[in-house]
PDB file of all heavy atoms in Angstrom:
ATOM      1  N   SER A   1      40.071  68.336  31.642  1.00  0.00           N
ATOM      2  CA  SER A   1      39.018  69.312  31.909  1.00  0.00           C
ATOM      3  C   SER A   1      38.933  69.624  33.399  1.00  0.00           C
ATOM      4  O   SER A   1      39.312  68.814  34.248  1.00  0.00           O
ATOM      5  CB  SER A   1      37.673  68.796  31.404  1.00  0.00           C
ATOM      6  OG  SER A   1      37.701  68.573  30.009  1.00  0.00           O
ATOM      7  N   GLU A   2      38.453  70.822  33.705  1.00  0.00           N
ATOM      8  CA  GLU A   2      38.240  71.270  35.081  1.00  0.00           C
ATOM      9  C   GLU A   2      36.812  71.788  35.185  1.00  0.00           C
ATOM     10  O   GLU A   2      36.417  72.696  34.442  1.00  0.00           O
ATOM     11  CB  GLU A   2      39.225  72.387  35.444  1.00  0.00           C
ATOM     12  CG  GLU A   2      40.679  71.985  35.472  1.00  0.00           C
ATOM     13  CD  GLU A   2      41.064  71.282  36.764  1.00  0.00           C
ATOM     14  OE1 GLU A   2      40.196  71.209  37.668  1.00  0.00           O
ATOM     15  OE2 GLU A   2      42.203  70.798  36.858  1.00  0.00           O
ATOM     16  N   SER A   3      36.029  71.200  36.098  1.00  0.00           N
ATOM     17  CA  SER A   3      34.627  71.625  36.223  1.00  0.00           C
ATOM     18  C   SER A   3      34.523  73.037  36.782  1.00  0.00           C
ATOM     19  O   SER A   3      33.714  73.843  36.345  1.00  0.00           O
ATOM     20  CB  SER A   3      33.849  70.649  37.096  1.00  0.00           C
ATOM     21  OG  SER A   3      34.412  70.606  38.411  1.00  0.00           O
ATOM     22  N   CYS A   4      35.352  73.348  37.749  1.00  0.00           N
ATOM     23  CA  CYS A   4      35.380  74.699  38.307  1.00  0.00           C
ATOM     24  C   CYS A   4      36.617  74.840  39.170  1.00  0.00           C
ATOM     25  O   CYS A   4      36.939  73.939  39.955  1.00  0.00           O
ATOM     26  CB  CYS A   4      34.123  74.996  39.119  1.00  0.00           C
ATOM     27  SG  CYS A   4      33.975  76.749  39.569  1.00  0.00           S
ATOM     28  N   LYS A   5      37.296  75.941  39.007  1.00  0.00           N
ATOM     29  CA  LYS A   5      38.537  76.150  39.744  1.00  0.00           C
ATOM     30  C   LYS A   5      38.618  77.610  40.170  1.00  0.00           C
ATOM     31  O   LYS A   5      38.303  78.521  39.383  1.00  0.00           O
ATOM     32  CB  LYS A   5      39.732  75.779  38.870  1.00  0.00           C
ATOM     33  CG  LYS A   5      41.022  75.579  39.631  1.00  0.00           C
ATOM     34  CD  LYS A   5      42.083  74.965  38.722  1.00  0.00           C
ATOM     35  CE  LYS A   5      43.361  74.682  39.508  1.00  0.00           C
ATOM     36  NZ  LYS A   5      44.398  74.037  38.635  1.00  0.00           N
ATOM     37  N   VAL A   6      39.049  77.834  41.422  1.00  0.00           N
ATOM     38  CA  VAL A   6      39.210  79.198  41.924  1.00  0.00           C
ATOM     39  C   VAL A   6      40.518  79.767  41.406  1.00  0.00           C
ATOM     40  O   VAL A   6      41.576  79.143  41.533  1.00  0.00           O
ATOM     41  CB  VAL A   6      39.188  79.220  43.461  1.00  0.00           C
ATOM     42  CG1 VAL A   6      39.508  80.626  43.976  1.00  0.00           C
ATOM     43  CG2 VAL A   6      37.841  78.762  43.977  1.00  0.00           C
ATOM     44  N   LEU A   7      40.424  80.948  40.806  1.00  0.00           N
ATOM     45  CA  LEU A   7      41.637  81.621  40.335  1.00  0.00           C
ATOM     46  C   LEU A   7      42.235  82.470  41.442  1.00  0.00           C
ATOM     47  O   LEU A   7      43.405  82.318  41.788  1.00  0.00           O
ATOM     48  CB  LEU A   7      41.316  82.478  39.107  1.00  0.00           C
ATOM     49  CG  LEU A   7      42.504  83.115  38.398  1.00  0.00           C
ATOM     50  CD1 LEU A   7      43.424  82.029  37.833  1.00  0.00           C
ATOM     51  CD2 LEU A   7      42.032  84.041  37.281  1.00  0.00           C
ATOM     52  N   CYS A   8      41.446  83.372  41.998  1.00  0.00           N
ATOM     53  CA  CYS A   8      41.906  84.171  43.139  1.00  0.00           C
ATOM     54  C   CYS A   8      40.759  85.030  43.650  1.00  0.00           C
ATOM     55  O   CYS A   8      39.853  85.388  42.896  1.00  0.00           O
ATOM     56  CB  CYS A   8      43.093  85.067  42.756  1.00  0.00           C
ATOM     57  SG  CYS A   8      42.628  86.500  41.748  1.00  0.00           S
ATOM     58  N   PRO A   9      40.770  85.356  44.940  1.00  0.00           N
ATOM     59  CA  PRO A   9      39.831  86.354  45.473  1.00  0.00           C
ATOM     60  C   PRO A   9      40.473  87.736  45.435  1.00  0.00           C
ATOM     61  O   PRO A   9      41.686  87.877  45.629  1.00  0.00           O
ATOM     62  CB  PRO A   9      39.619  85.883  46.917  1.00  0.00           C
ATOM     63  CG  PRO A   9      40.893  85.193  47.281  1.00  0.00           C
ATOM     64  CD  PRO A   9      41.484  84.630  46.017  1.00  0.00           C
ATOM     65  N   VAL A  10      39.678  88.768  45.177  1.00  0.00           N
ATOM     66  CA  VAL A  10      40.178  90.142  45.104  1.00  0.00           C
ATOM     67  C   VAL A  10      39.248  91.041  45.916  1.00  0.00           C
ATOM     68  O   VAL A  10      38.017  90.945  45.791  1.00  0.00           O
ATOM     69  CB  VAL A  10      40.253  90.643  43.640  1.00  0.00           C
ATOM     70  CG1 VAL A  10      40.674  92.103  43.600  1.00  0.00           C
ATOM     71  CG2 VAL A  10      41.222  89.795  42.826  1.00  0.00           C
ATOM     72  N   THR A  11      39.844  91.866  46.740  1.00  0.00           N
ATOM     73  CA  THR A  11      39.086  92.887  47.467  1.00  0.00           C
ATOM     74  C   THR A  11      39.345  94.229  46.787  1.00  0.00           C
ATOM     75  O   THR A  11      40.478  94.721  46.750  1.00  0.00           O
ATOM     76  CB  THR A  11      39.506  92.963  48.942  1.00  0.00           C
ATOM     77  OG1 THR A  11      39.279  91.677  49.547  1.00  0.00           O
ATOM     78  CG2 THR A  11      38.693  94.014  49.674  1.00  0.00           C
ATOM     79  N   LEU A  12      38.309  94.821  46.223  1.00  0.00           N
ATOM     80  CA  LEU A  12      38.453  96.016  45.399  1.00  0.00           C
ATOM     81  C   LEU A  12      38.455  97.281  46.257  1.00  0.00           C
ATOM     82  O   LEU A  12      37.649  97.417  47.185  1.00  0.00           O
ATOM     83  CB  LEU A  12      37.318  96.101  44.387  1.00  0.00           C
ATOM     84  CG  LEU A  12      37.156  94.930  43.409  1.00  0.00           C
ATOM     85  CD1 LEU A  12      35.953  95.166  42.507  1.00  0.00           C
ATOM     86  CD2 LEU A  12      38.418  94.743  42.573  1.00  0.00           C
ATOM     87  N   THR A  13      39.370  98.154  45.931  1.00  0.00           N
ATOM     88  CA  THR A  13      39.302  99.501  46.495  1.00  0.00           C
ATOM     89  C   THR A  13      38.233 100.285  45.732  1.00  0.00           C
ATOM     90  O   THR A  13      37.684  99.823  44.723  1.00  0.00           O
ATOM     91  CB  THR A  13      40.647 100.214  46.372  1.00  0.00           C
ATOM     92  OG1 THR A  13      40.953 100.392  44.978  1.00  0.00           O
ATOM     93  CG2 THR A  13      41.748  99.414  47.033  1.00  0.00           C
ATOM     94  N   LYS A  14      37.939 101.469  46.204  1.00  0.00           N
ATOM     95  CA  LYS A  14      36.948 102.298  45.542  1.00  0.00           C
ATOM     96  C   LYS A  14      37.358 102.615  44.108  1.00  0.00           C
ATOM     97  O   LYS A  14      36.545 102.539  43.177  1.00  0.00           O
ATOM     98  CB  LYS A  14      36.741 103.585  46.337  1.00  0.00           C
ATOM     99  CG  LYS A  14      35.695 104.523  45.738  1.00  0.00           C
ATOM    100  CD  LYS A  14      35.481 105.728  46.611  1.00  0.00           C
ATOM    101  CE  LYS A  14      36.732 106.599  46.674  1.00  0.00           C
ATOM    102  NZ  LYS A  14      36.498 107.865  47.408  1.00  0.00           N
ATOM    103  N   ASP A  15      38.626 102.961  43.917  1.00  0.00           N
ATOM    104  CA  ASP A  15      39.103 103.297  42.568  1.00  0.00           C
ATOM    105  C   ASP A  15      39.084 102.083  41.645  1.00  0.00           C
ATOM    106  O   ASP A  15      38.760 102.200  40.453  1.00  0.00           O
ATOM    107  CB  ASP A  15      40.527 103.875  42.639  1.00  0.00           C
ATOM    108  CG  ASP A  15      40.562 105.225  43.329  1.00  0.00           C
ATOM    109  OD1 ASP A  15      39.508 105.894  43.348  1.00  0.00           O
ATOM    110  OD2 ASP A  15      41.632 105.605  43.850  1.00  0.00           O
ATOM    111  N   GLU A  16      39.440 100.913  42.183  1.00  0.00           N
ATOM    112  CA  GLU A  16      39.434  99.708  41.356  1.00  0.00           C
ATOM    113  C   GLU A  16      38.014  99.331  40.950  1.00  0.00           C
ATOM    114  O   GLU A  16      37.761  98.918  39.802  1.00  0.00           O
ATOM    115  CB  GLU A  16      40.105  98.561  42.110  1.00  0.00           C
ATOM    116  CG  GLU A  16      41.606  98.736  42.285  1.00  0.00           C
ATOM    117  CD  GLU A  16      42.207  97.658  43.158  1.00  0.00           C
ATOM    118  OE1 GLU A  16      41.459  97.039  43.951  1.00  0.00           O
ATOM    119  OE2 GLU A  16      43.424  97.434  43.067  1.00  0.00           O
ATOM    120  N   ALA A  17      37.069  99.478  41.852  1.00  0.00           N
ATOM    121  CA  ALA A  17      35.672  99.197  41.508  1.00  0.00           C
ATOM    122  C   ALA A  17      35.165 100.153  40.440  1.00  0.00           C
ATOM    123  O   ALA A  17      34.481  99.748  39.487  1.00  0.00           O
ATOM    124  CB  ALA A  17      34.801  99.287  42.766  1.00  0.00           C
ATOM    125  N   ASN A  18      35.525 101.422  40.576  1.00  0.00           N
ATOM    126  CA  ASN A  18      35.110 102.413  39.579  1.00  0.00           C
ATOM    127  C   ASN A  18      35.763 102.128  38.221  1.00  0.00           C
ATOM    128  O   ASN A  18      35.148 102.371  37.174  1.00  0.00           O
ATOM    129  CB  ASN A  18      35.463 103.814  40.051  1.00  0.00           C
ATOM    130  CG  ASN A  18      34.632 104.249  41.246  1.00  0.00           C
ATOM    131  OD1 ASN A  18      33.558 103.682  41.507  1.00  0.00           O
ATOM    132  ND2 ASN A  18      35.100 105.248  41.980  1.00  0.00           N
ATOM    133  N   ALA A  19      37.012 101.634  38.222  1.00  0.00           N
ATOM    134  CA  ALA A  19      37.676 101.299  36.964  1.00  0.00           C
ATOM    135  C   ALA A  19      36.951 100.162  36.267  1.00  0.00           C
ATOM    136  O   ALA A  19      36.756 100.186  35.038  1.00  0.00           O
ATOM    137  CB  ALA A  19      39.138 100.933  37.231  1.00  0.00           C
ATOM    138  N   PHE A  20      36.549  99.161  37.026  1.00  0.00           N
ATOM    139  CA  PHE A  20      35.769  98.056  36.440  1.00  0.00           C
ATOM    140  C   PHE A  20      34.450  98.570  35.873  1.00  0.00           C
ATOM    141  O   PHE A  20      34.047  98.212  34.759  1.00  0.00           O
ATOM    142  CB  PHE A  20      35.501  96.983  37.498  1.00  0.00           C
ATOM    143  CG  PHE A  20      36.450  95.832  37.457  1.00  0.00           C
ATOM    144  CD1 PHE A  20      37.061  95.386  38.617  1.00  0.00           C
ATOM    145  CD2 PHE A  20      36.738  95.185  36.263  1.00  0.00           C
ATOM    146  CE1 PHE A  20      37.940  94.314  38.595  1.00  0.00           C
ATOM    147  CE2 PHE A  20      37.610  94.116  36.230  1.00  0.00           C
ATOM    148  CZ  PHE A  20      38.222  93.670  37.394  1.00  0.00           C
ATOM    149  N   ILE A  21      33.761  99.404  36.637  1.00  0.00           N
ATOM    150  CA  ILE A  21      32.457  99.922  36.207  1.00  0.00           C
ATOM    151  C   ILE A  21      32.599 100.740  34.928  1.00  0.00           C
ATOM    152  O   ILE A  21      31.786 100.609  33.995  1.00  0.00           O
ATOM    153  CB  ILE A  21      31.823 100.752  37.334  1.00  0.00           C
ATOM    154  CG1 ILE A  21      31.445  99.858  38.517  1.00  0.00           C
ATOM    155  CG2 ILE A  21      30.606 101.519  36.835  1.00  0.00           C
ATOM    156  CD1 ILE A  21      30.960 100.610  39.738  1.00  0.00           C
ATOM    157  N   GLU A  22      33.642 101.575  34.850  1.00  0.00           N
ATOM    158  CA  GLU A  22      33.858 102.376  33.642  1.00  0.00           C
ATOM    159  C   GLU A  22      34.142 101.490  32.432  1.00  0.00           C
ATOM    160  O   GLU A  22      33.634 101.739  31.329  1.00  0.00           O
ATOM    161  CB  GLU A  22      35.015 103.355  33.861  1.00  0.00           C
ATOM    162  CG  GLU A  22      35.240 104.281  32.685  1.00  0.00           C
ATOM    163  CD  GLU A  22      36.361 105.269  32.923  1.00  0.00           C
ATOM    164  OE1 GLU A  22      36.977 105.218  34.025  1.00  0.00           O
ATOM    165  OE2 GLU A  22      36.633 106.091  32.033  1.00  0.00           O
ATOM    166  N   ALA A  23      34.947 100.440  32.631  1.00  0.00           N
ATOM    167  CA  ALA A  23      35.242  99.521  31.526  1.00  0.00           C
ATOM    168  C   ALA A  23      33.991  98.790  31.068  1.00  0.00           C
ATOM    169  O   ALA A  23      33.788  98.553  29.875  1.00  0.00           O
ATOM    170  CB  ALA A  23      36.315  98.523  31.952  1.00  0.00           C
ATOM    171  N   ILE A  24      33.118  98.437  32.006  1.00  0.00           N
ATOM    172  CA  ILE A  24      31.867  97.752  31.655  1.00  0.00           C
ATOM    173  C   ILE A  24      30.946  98.691  30.887  1.00  0.00           C
ATOM    174  O   ILE A  24      30.338  98.307  29.876  1.00  0.00           O
ATOM    175  CB  ILE A  24      31.178  97.225  32.922  1.00  0.00           C
ATOM    176  CG1 ILE A  24      32.023  96.117  33.564  1.00  0.00           C
ATOM    177  CG2 ILE A  24      29.784  96.716  32.604  1.00  0.00           C
ATOM    178  CD1 ILE A  24      31.530  95.687  34.933  1.00  0.00           C
ATOM    179  N   GLU A  25      30.838  99.935  31.327  1.00  0.00           N
ATOM    180  CA  GLU A  25      29.959 100.898  30.653  1.00  0.00           C
ATOM    181  C   GLU A  25      30.434 101.203  29.236  1.00  0.00           C
ATOM    182  O   GLU A  25      29.617 101.451  28.344  1.00  0.00           O
ATOM    183  CB  GLU A  25      29.881 102.184  31.474  1.00  0.00           C
ATOM    184  CG  GLU A  25      29.125 102.028  32.796  1.00  0.00           C
ATOM    185  CD  GLU A  25      29.149 103.285  33.619  1.00  0.00           C
ATOM    186  OE1 GLU A  25      29.952 104.197  33.289  1.00  0.00           O
ATOM    187  OE2 GLU A  25      28.367 103.367  34.603  1.00  0.00           O
ATOM    188  N   GLN A  26      31.748 101.172  29.022  1.00  0.00           N
ATOM    189  CA  GLN A  26      32.283 101.423  27.688  1.00  0.00           C
ATOM    190  C   GLN A  26      32.432 100.151  26.865  1.00  0.00           C
ATOM    191  O   GLN A  26      32.990 100.169  25.774  1.00  0.00           O
ATOM    192  CB  GLN A  26      33.639 102.134  27.808  1.00  0.00           C
ATOM    193  CG  GLN A  26      33.528 103.527  28.408  1.00  0.00           C
ATOM    194  CD  GLN A  26      34.881 104.183  28.598  1.00  0.00           C
ATOM    195  OE1 GLN A  26      35.921 103.551  28.430  1.00  0.00           O
ATOM    196  NE2 GLN A  26      34.864 105.454  28.946  1.00  0.00           N
ATOM    197  N   GLU A  27      31.903  99.044  27.391  1.00  0.00           N
ATOM    198  CA  GLU A  27      31.830  97.764  26.677  1.00  0.00           C
ATOM    199  C   GLU A  27      33.206  97.271  26.224  1.00  0.00           C
ATOM    200  O   GLU A  27      33.383  96.841  25.075  1.00  0.00           O
ATOM    201  CB  GLU A  27      30.868  97.855  25.500  1.00  0.00           C
ATOM    202  CG  GLU A  27      29.435  98.168  25.913  1.00  0.00           C
ATOM    203  CD  GLU A  27      28.476  98.143  24.737  1.00  0.00           C
ATOM    204  OE1 GLU A  27      28.846  97.606  23.676  1.00  0.00           O
ATOM    205  OE2 GLU A  27      27.354  98.679  24.889  1.00  0.00           O
ATOM    206  N   TYR A  28      34.149  97.319  27.121  1.00  0.00           N
ATOM    207  CA  TYR A  28      35.472  96.760  26.821  1.00  0.00           C
ATOM    208  C   TYR A  28      35.385  95.231  26.757  1.00  0.00           C
ATOM    209  O   TYR A  28      34.604  94.608  27.482  1.00  0.00           O
ATOM    210  CB  TYR A  28      36.483  97.185  27.880  1.00  0.00           C
ATOM    211  CG  TYR A  28      37.181  98.487  27.565  1.00  0.00           C
ATOM    212  CD1 TYR A  28      36.667  99.689  28.019  1.00  0.00           C
ATOM    213  CD2 TYR A  28      38.347  98.496  26.802  1.00  0.00           C
ATOM    214  CE1 TYR A  28      37.302 100.896  27.735  1.00  0.00           C
ATOM    215  CE2 TYR A  28      38.989  99.693  26.510  1.00  0.00           C
ATOM    216  CZ  TYR A  28      38.463 100.882  26.970  1.00  0.00           C
ATOM    217  OH  TYR A  28      39.086 102.065  26.670  1.00  0.00           O
ATOM    218  N   ARG A  29      36.198  94.674  25.884  1.00  0.00           N
ATOM    219  CA  ARG A  29      36.249  93.223  25.713  1.00  0.00           C
ATOM    220  C   ARG A  29      37.661  92.731  26.025  1.00  0.00           C
ATOM    221  O   ARG A  29      38.652  93.404  25.731  1.00  0.00           O
ATOM    222  CB  ARG A  29      35.863  92.810  24.287  1.00  0.00           C
ATOM    223  CG  ARG A  29      34.431  93.200  23.931  1.00  0.00           C
ATOM    224  CD  ARG A  29      34.044  92.664  22.567  1.00  0.00           C
ATOM    225  NE  ARG A  29      33.929  91.209  22.544  1.00  0.00           N
ATOM    226  CZ  ARG A  29      32.851  90.536  22.887  1.00  0.00           C
ATOM    227  NH1 ARG A  29      31.769  91.194  23.314  1.00  0.00           N
ATOM    228  NH2 ARG A  29      32.827  89.222  22.829  1.00  0.00           N
TER     229      ARG A  29
END
């Protein structure tokens, strides 16, 4: 087991942030 582990840090561009937001609004799983 692992209590908590860092996978990676990501710095989002404007388009990448908007892509995440659109996926969240459309309830992607």
